[in-house]
Amino acid sequence: MVDDRTLELIHAEIDAELDAAARDELDRRLQSDPDARILRDELGKVAAALQRMAAPIAPARLHELLM
């Protein structure tokens, strides 16, 4: 199981929010934890797939109701 800090760093990496110190910390954690490497790879694939998806278009009626 991947600890909370490693998961936090993985999410920050996917969101391109890592500074140099956090990048080094994540790299060290990934080197020592094969489960973390697998999780990072899988989450990266999911994030990439989501970015390729077209944004859904809301029905006009929904927009009217929200306004």
C-alpha atoms as a PDB file:
ATOM      1  CA  MET A   1       0.000   0.000   0.000  1.00  0.00           C
ATOM      2  CA  VAL A   2       1.270   3.447  -0.926  1.00  0.00           C
ATOM      3  CA  ASP A   3       1.479   5.940   1.940  1.00  0.00           C
ATOM      4  CA  ASP A   4      -0.387   9.247   1.911  1.00  0.00           C
ATOM      5  CA  ARG A   5       2.680  11.425   1.308  1.00  0.00           C
ATOM      6  CA  THR A   6       3.758   9.411  -1.727  1.00  0.00           C
ATOM      7  CA  LEU A   7       0.226   9.567  -3.113  1.00  0.00           C
ATOM      8  CA  GLU A   8       0.187  13.329  -2.570  1.00  0.00           C
ATOM      9  CA  LEU A   9       3.463  13.668  -4.476  1.00  0.00           C
ATOM     10  CA  ILE A  10       2.207  11.471  -7.318  1.00  0.00           C
ATOM     11  CA  HIS A  11      -0.896  13.634  -7.702  1.00  0.00           C
ATOM     12  CA  ALA A  12       1.239  16.779  -7.652  1.00  0.00           C
ATOM     13  CA  GLU A  13       3.448  15.305 -10.375  1.00  0.00           C
ATOM     14  CA  ILE A  14       0.458  14.495 -12.564  1.00  0.00           C
ATOM     15  CA  ASP A  15      -0.847  18.043 -12.032  1.00  0.00           C
ATOM     16  CA  ALA A  16       2.621  19.490 -12.855  1.00  0.00           C
ATOM     17  CA  GLU A  17       2.850  21.088  -9.409  1.00  0.00           C
ATOM     18  CA  LEU A  18       6.146  19.649  -8.119  1.00  0.00           C
ATOM     19  CA  ASP A  19       9.048  21.879  -7.194  1.00  0.00           C
ATOM     20  CA  ALA A  20      12.623  20.562  -7.294  1.00  0.00           C
ATOM     21  CA  ALA A  21      12.648  19.389  -3.667  1.00  0.00           C
ATOM     22  CA  ALA A  22       9.340  17.551  -4.027  1.00  0.00           C
ATOM     23  CA  ARG A  23      10.541  16.009  -7.324  1.00  0.00           C
ATOM     24  CA  ASP A  24      13.634  14.667  -5.542  1.00  0.00           C
ATOM     25  CA  GLU A  25      11.502  13.322  -2.698  1.00  0.00           C
ATOM     26  CA  LEU A  26       9.154  11.561  -5.112  1.00  0.00           C
ATOM     27  CA  ASP A  27      12.064  10.099  -7.061  1.00  0.00           C
ATOM     28  CA  ARG A  28      13.539   8.633  -3.862  1.00  0.00           C
ATOM     29  CA  ARG A  29      10.191   7.196  -2.850  1.00  0.00           C
ATOM     30  CA  LEU A  30       9.602   5.669  -6.286  1.00  0.00           C
ATOM     31  CA  GLN A  31      13.056   4.074  -6.302  1.00  0.00           C
ATOM     32  CA  SER A  32      12.340   2.273  -3.048  1.00  0.00           C
ATOM     33  CA  ASP A  33       8.673   1.354  -3.572  1.00  0.00           C
ATOM     34  CA  PRO A  34       7.621  -0.748  -6.582  1.00  0.00           C
ATOM     35  CA  ASP A  35       3.932  -0.392  -5.638  1.00  0.00           C
ATOM     36  CA  ALA A  36       4.280   3.386  -5.809  1.00  0.00           C
ATOM     37  CA  ARG A  37       5.860   3.138  -9.269  1.00  0.00           C
ATOM     38  CA  ILE A  38       2.986   0.975 -10.500  1.00  0.00           C
ATOM     39  CA  LEU A  39       0.399   3.338  -9.021  1.00  0.00           C
ATOM     40  CA  ARG A  40       2.123   6.385 -10.538  1.00  0.00           C
ATOM     41  CA  ASP A  41       2.166   4.734 -13.960  1.00  0.00           C
ATOM     42  CA  GLU A  42      -1.496   3.727 -13.746  1.00  0.00           C
ATOM     43  CA  LEU A  43      -2.659   7.141 -12.516  1.00  0.00           C
ATOM     44  CA  GLY A  44      -0.605   8.788 -15.250  1.00  0.00           C
ATOM     45  CA  LYS A  45      -2.379   6.667 -17.861  1.00  0.00           C
ATOM     46  CA  VAL A  46      -5.779   7.605 -16.442  1.00  0.00           C
ATOM     47  CA  ALA A  47      -4.878  11.308 -16.409  1.00  0.00           C
ATOM     48  CA  ALA A  48      -3.654  11.130 -20.014  1.00  0.00           C
ATOM     49  CA  ALA A  49      -6.850   9.374 -21.122  1.00  0.00           C
ATOM     50  CA  LEU A  50      -8.981  12.006 -19.396  1.00  0.00           C
ATOM     51  CA  GLN A  51      -7.069  14.802 -21.120  1.00  0.00           C
ATOM     52  CA  ARG A  52      -7.766  13.229 -24.510  1.00  0.00           C
ATOM     53  CA  MET A  53     -11.505  13.158 -23.890  1.00  0.00           C
ATOM     54  CA  ALA A  54     -13.652  15.902 -25.368  1.00  0.00           C
ATOM     55  CA  ALA A  55     -15.424  18.121 -22.884  1.00  0.00           C
ATOM     56  CA  PRO A  56     -19.115  17.233 -22.641  1.00  0.00           C
ATOM     57  CA  ILE A  57     -21.611  19.780 -23.875  1.00  0.00           C
ATOM     58  CA  ALA A  58     -24.376  20.507 -21.410  1.00  0.00           C
ATOM     59  CA  PRO A  59     -27.916  20.705 -22.779  1.00  0.00           C
ATOM     60  CA  ALA A  60     -29.159  24.284 -23.292  1.00  0.00           C
ATOM     61  CA  ARG A  61     -32.019  23.642 -20.863  1.00  0.00           C
ATOM     62  CA  LEU A  62     -29.566  22.803 -18.082  1.00  0.00           C
ATOM     63  CA  HIS A  63     -27.755  26.069 -18.655  1.00  0.00           C
ATOM     64  CA  GLU A  64     -31.082  27.936 -18.450  1.00  0.00           C
ATOM     65  CA  LEU A  65     -31.992  26.202 -15.191  1.00  0.00           C
ATOM     66  CA  LEU A  66     -28.669  27.043 -13.635  1.00  0.00           C
ATOM     67  CA  MET A  67     -28.934  30.688 -14.553  1.00  0.00           C
END
